[in-house]
Amino acid sequence: MPASVVAADAGALWLAALQRALGRAAHDVKDALNGVSVNLEVIRSRAARAEAPASAVAPFADGAVQQLDRLTALLDAVLALGRSEREPVDVGITLRRVATLCSASNAAADARVTVRDAAVGDARTRVPSDAVRLALVAPLLEAVVGRQGEPRGHVDCELASEADAIVVRLHAGRPVPMPMDVAEPLRAAGVTWSESADELSLLFPRA
């Protein structure tokens, strides 16, 4: 398959996956904005009382900060994933952004994506950026939330290093399959993987 065709297929599939993830994340953005707004309004109204102590508004200030931190992390991930990226891309950086996005708007508290930080050194891959993003987002979305939107549970991502590849292991305590509709373009882009009863291991050849 010509490289231009591979890139086009992976790019189109990545955009479709990103749209799906953003559709879910939109709820978190609105919820965080509303949380900041409500807390600031309480602070404004209480601060207007001359007799009100600072302690009366402190909990609401903390609440506003927490919601703003949540919003900032999500928007940072969205903006980074929404623009083109200089290659070769860093698998670890991309994984953290994808984990933040895929964790958004999960109704169940345990339907989250976490990343184990590991010192892997240079984590750049020669796989094109759209294919790296697609290889991470496609199975993670399926693992934390199904096609019908039902939460499925927590996924723990482990970043590791091999001699000639960066490895990402998706642990879920249940099968984490690679969606069939993205498999061929990913293989053509150089991504390989193996599936077991409780995890998916992705291999990205080093740059």
Protein backbone atom coordinates (compact mmCIF):
# COMPACT_ATOMS: atom_id res chain seq x y z
CA MET A 1 0.00 0.00 0.00
CA PRO A 2 1.52 3.39 -0.97
CA ALA A 3 2.64 5.57 1.93
CA SER A 4 0.33 8.39 0.82
CA VAL A 5 -2.68 6.06 0.97
CA VAL A 6 -1.66 4.78 4.41
CA ALA A 7 -1.31 8.34 5.72
CA ALA A 8 -4.68 9.36 4.27
CA ASP A 9 -6.46 6.34 5.77
CA ALA A 10 -4.90 6.83 9.20
CA GLY A 11 -5.60 10.56 9.08
CA ALA A 12 -9.27 10.08 8.23
CA LEU A 13 -9.74 7.43 10.91
CA TRP A 14 -7.93 9.58 13.47
CA LEU A 15 -10.24 12.53 12.76
CA ALA A 16 -13.29 10.29 13.21
CA ALA A 17 -11.91 8.97 16.53
CA LEU A 18 -11.07 12.51 17.66
CA GLN A 19 -14.61 13.69 16.88
CA ARG A 20 -16.02 10.86 18.96
CA ALA A 21 -13.72 11.66 21.88
CA LEU A 22 -14.44 15.39 21.66
CA GLY A 23 -18.16 14.73 21.63
CA ARG A 24 -17.79 13.04 25.00
CA ALA A 25 -15.31 15.60 26.37
CA ALA A 26 -17.67 18.49 25.61
CA HIS A 27 -19.72 17.59 28.70
CA ASP A 28 -16.64 17.86 30.92
CA VAL A 29 -15.72 21.26 29.46
CA LYS A 30 -19.20 22.64 30.11
CA ASP A 31 -19.35 21.07 33.58
CA ALA A 32 -15.98 22.56 34.58
CA LEU A 33 -16.91 25.99 33.23
CA ASN A 34 -20.15 25.87 35.16
CA GLY A 35 -18.28 24.85 38.31
CA VAL A 36 -15.90 27.81 38.00
CA SER A 37 -18.80 30.18 37.34
CA VAL A 38 -20.88 29.00 40.31
CA ASN A 39 -17.96 29.17 42.73
CA LEU A 40 -16.96 32.64 41.56
CA GLU A 41 -20.52 33.88 41.93
CA VAL A 42 -20.63 32.63 45.53
CA ILE A 43 -17.29 34.31 46.21
CA ARG A 44 -18.56 37.59 44.69
CA SER A 45 -21.75 37.61 46.70
CA ARG A 46 -20.09 36.73 50.03
CA ALA A 47 -17.15 39.07 49.53
CA ALA A 48 -19.63 41.93 49.11
CA ARG A 49 -20.59 41.57 52.78
CA ALA A 50 -18.34 43.77 54.87
CA GLU A 51 -18.65 41.50 57.89
CA ALA A 52 -17.87 38.27 55.99
CA PRO A 53 -14.54 36.66 57.00
CA ALA A 54 -12.13 35.41 54.36
CA SER A 55 -12.74 31.87 55.59
CA ALA A 56 -16.29 32.14 54.29
CA VAL A 57 -15.11 32.19 50.69
CA ALA A 58 -12.00 30.01 50.94
CA PRO A 59 -13.77 26.68 50.18
CA PHE A 60 -15.38 28.18 47.08
CA ALA A 61 -12.04 29.58 45.91
CA ASP A 62 -10.55 26.12 46.28
CA GLY A 63 -13.46 24.68 44.31
CA ALA A 64 -12.96 27.18 41.51
CA VAL A 65 -9.24 26.37 41.35
CA GLN A 66 -9.93 22.63 41.15
CA GLN A 67 -12.44 23.06 38.35
CA LEU A 68 -10.08 25.40 36.50
CA ASP A 69 -7.22 22.91 36.82
CA ARG A 70 -9.50 20.19 35.44
CA LEU A 71 -10.55 22.41 32.54
CA THR A 72 -6.99 23.50 31.77
CA ALA A 73 -5.69 19.92 31.61
CA LEU A 74 -8.48 18.87 29.27
CA LEU A 75 -8.17 21.89 26.98
CA ASP A 76 -4.39 21.48 26.82
CA ALA A 77 -4.89 17.89 25.64
CA VAL A 78 -7.60 18.86 23.15
CA LEU A 79 -5.58 21.69 21.62
CA ALA A 80 -2.44 19.57 21.34
CA LEU A 81 -4.26 16.64 19.74
CA GLY A 82 -6.25 18.89 17.44
CA ARG A 83 -3.24 20.35 15.66
CA SER A 84 -0.54 18.79 13.52
CA GLU A 85 2.57 17.71 15.37
CA ARG A 86 6.20 17.82 14.41
CA GLU A 87 7.59 14.37 13.72
CA PRO A 88 9.03 12.16 15.04
CA VAL A 89 6.44 12.25 17.81
CA ASP A 90 7.01 11.29 21.44
CA VAL A 91 4.81 8.32 22.34
CA GLY A 92 4.82 9.17 26.06
CA ILE A 93 3.65 12.74 25.58
CA THR A 94 0.95 11.62 23.14
CA LEU A 95 -0.20 8.87 25.51
CA ARG A 96 -0.71 11.32 28.40
CA ARG A 97 -2.76 13.65 26.21
CA VAL A 98 -4.87 10.79 24.91
CA ALA A 99 -5.43 9.46 28.45
CA THR A 100 -6.73 12.86 29.57
CA LEU A 101 -9.11 13.04 26.62
CA CYS A 102 -10.38 9.46 26.92
CA SER A 103 -11.04 9.87 30.66
CA ALA A 104 -13.43 12.77 30.04
CA SER A 105 -17.16 12.41 30.67
CA ASN A 106 -17.10 8.88 32.04
CA ALA A 107 -20.17 8.47 34.21
CA ALA A 108 -18.56 5.83 36.45
CA ALA A 109 -15.81 6.99 38.78
CA ASP A 110 -13.73 3.90 37.95
CA ALA A 111 -14.04 4.37 34.17
CA ARG A 112 -10.80 6.27 33.87
CA VAL A 113 -7.48 6.08 32.08
CA THR A 114 -4.30 6.42 34.10
CA VAL A 115 -0.68 6.42 32.94
CA ARG A 116 2.22 4.93 34.86
CA ASP A 117 5.19 7.24 34.47
CA ALA A 118 8.31 5.36 33.55
CA ALA A 119 11.79 6.51 32.62
CA VAL A 120 12.08 5.21 29.07
CA GLY A 121 14.48 7.82 27.74
CA ASP A 122 13.89 8.81 24.14
CA ALA A 123 10.28 7.80 23.36
CA ARG A 124 10.13 9.07 19.77
CA THR A 125 8.80 6.81 17.04
CA ARG A 126 9.04 6.79 13.27
CA VAL A 127 5.31 6.01 13.03
CA PRO A 128 3.40 9.04 11.62
CA SER A 129 1.68 11.16 14.26
CA ASP A 130 -1.88 10.45 13.12
CA ALA A 131 -1.24 6.71 13.30
CA VAL A 132 0.28 7.00 16.81
CA ARG A 133 -2.76 8.91 18.03
CA LEU A 134 -5.18 6.52 16.34
CA ALA A 135 -3.41 3.45 17.76
CA LEU A 136 -3.86 4.83 21.29
CA VAL A 137 -7.30 6.44 21.08
CA ALA A 138 -9.17 3.71 19.20
CA PRO A 139 -8.66 0.87 21.72
CA LEU A 140 -8.80 3.17 24.76
CA LEU A 141 -12.20 4.56 23.81
CA GLU A 142 -13.49 1.03 23.32
CA ALA A 143 -11.99 -0.03 26.66
CA VAL A 144 -13.43 2.75 28.84
CA VAL A 145 -16.73 3.25 27.06
CA GLY A 146 -18.53 1.11 24.49
CA ARG A 147 -20.09 2.13 21.21
CA GLN A 148 -23.39 2.72 22.99
CA GLY A 149 -21.77 4.97 25.63
CA GLU A 150 -21.85 2.55 28.56
CA PRO A 151 -18.84 2.86 30.92
CA ARG A 152 -16.72 -0.28 31.04
CA GLY A 153 -14.10 0.46 33.68
CA HIS A 154 -10.59 1.59 34.43
CA VAL A 155 -7.62 1.19 32.08
CA ASP A 156 -4.05 1.42 33.34
CA CYS A 157 -1.48 2.41 30.70
CA GLU A 158 2.15 1.42 31.14
CA LEU A 159 4.89 3.00 29.05
CA ALA A 160 7.94 0.78 28.61
CA SER A 161 11.01 0.50 26.45
CA GLU A 162 12.53 -2.24 24.35
CA ALA A 163 15.71 -2.19 22.32
CA ASP A 164 14.04 -1.14 19.09
CA ALA A 165 10.55 -0.06 20.15
CA ILE A 166 8.47 1.97 22.58
CA VAL A 167 5.83 -0.23 24.22
CA VAL A 168 2.45 0.84 25.58
CA ARG A 169 0.56 -1.78 27.58
CA LEU A 170 -3.14 -1.19 28.22
CA HIS A 171 -4.15 -3.18 31.32
CA ALA A 172 -7.87 -3.53 31.98
CA GLY A 173 -8.38 -6.92 33.64
CA ARG A 174 -10.40 -7.85 30.55
CA PRO A 175 -9.69 -8.08 26.81
CA VAL A 176 -8.72 -4.80 25.12
CA PRO A 177 -8.98 -5.54 21.40
CA MET A 178 -7.76 -3.32 18.61
CA PRO A 179 -10.86 -2.22 16.64
CA MET A 180 -10.91 -4.03 13.31
CA ASP A 181 -11.64 -0.91 11.26
CA VAL A 182 -8.29 0.67 12.17
CA ALA A 183 -6.09 -2.44 12.13
CA GLU A 184 -4.92 -2.44 8.50
CA PRO A 185 -3.87 1.24 8.31
CA LEU A 186 -2.02 0.89 11.62
CA ARG A 187 -0.11 -2.17 10.50
CA ALA A 188 0.79 -0.43 7.26
CA ALA A 189 2.08 2.55 9.28
CA GLY A 190 4.39 0.28 11.28
CA VAL A 191 2.40 -0.28 14.48
CA THR A 192 2.29 -3.85 15.81
CA TRP A 193 0.44 -5.24 18.80
CA SER A 194 -0.47 -8.36 20.73
CA GLU A 195 -3.66 -9.11 22.65
CA SER A 196 -4.11 -11.24 25.76
CA ALA A 197 -6.95 -11.98 28.14
CA ASP A 198 -6.42 -8.78 30.11
CA GLU A 199 -4.30 -6.34 28.09
CA LEU A 200 -3.25 -4.94 24.75
CA SER A 201 0.45 -4.34 24.06
CA LEU A 202 1.30 -1.79 21.37
CA LEU A 203 4.77 -1.54 19.83
CA PHE A 204 5.99 1.63 18.12
CA PRO A 205 9.35 1.28 16.35
CA ARG A 206 11.90 3.85 17.47
CA ALA A 207 12.74 6.82 15.29
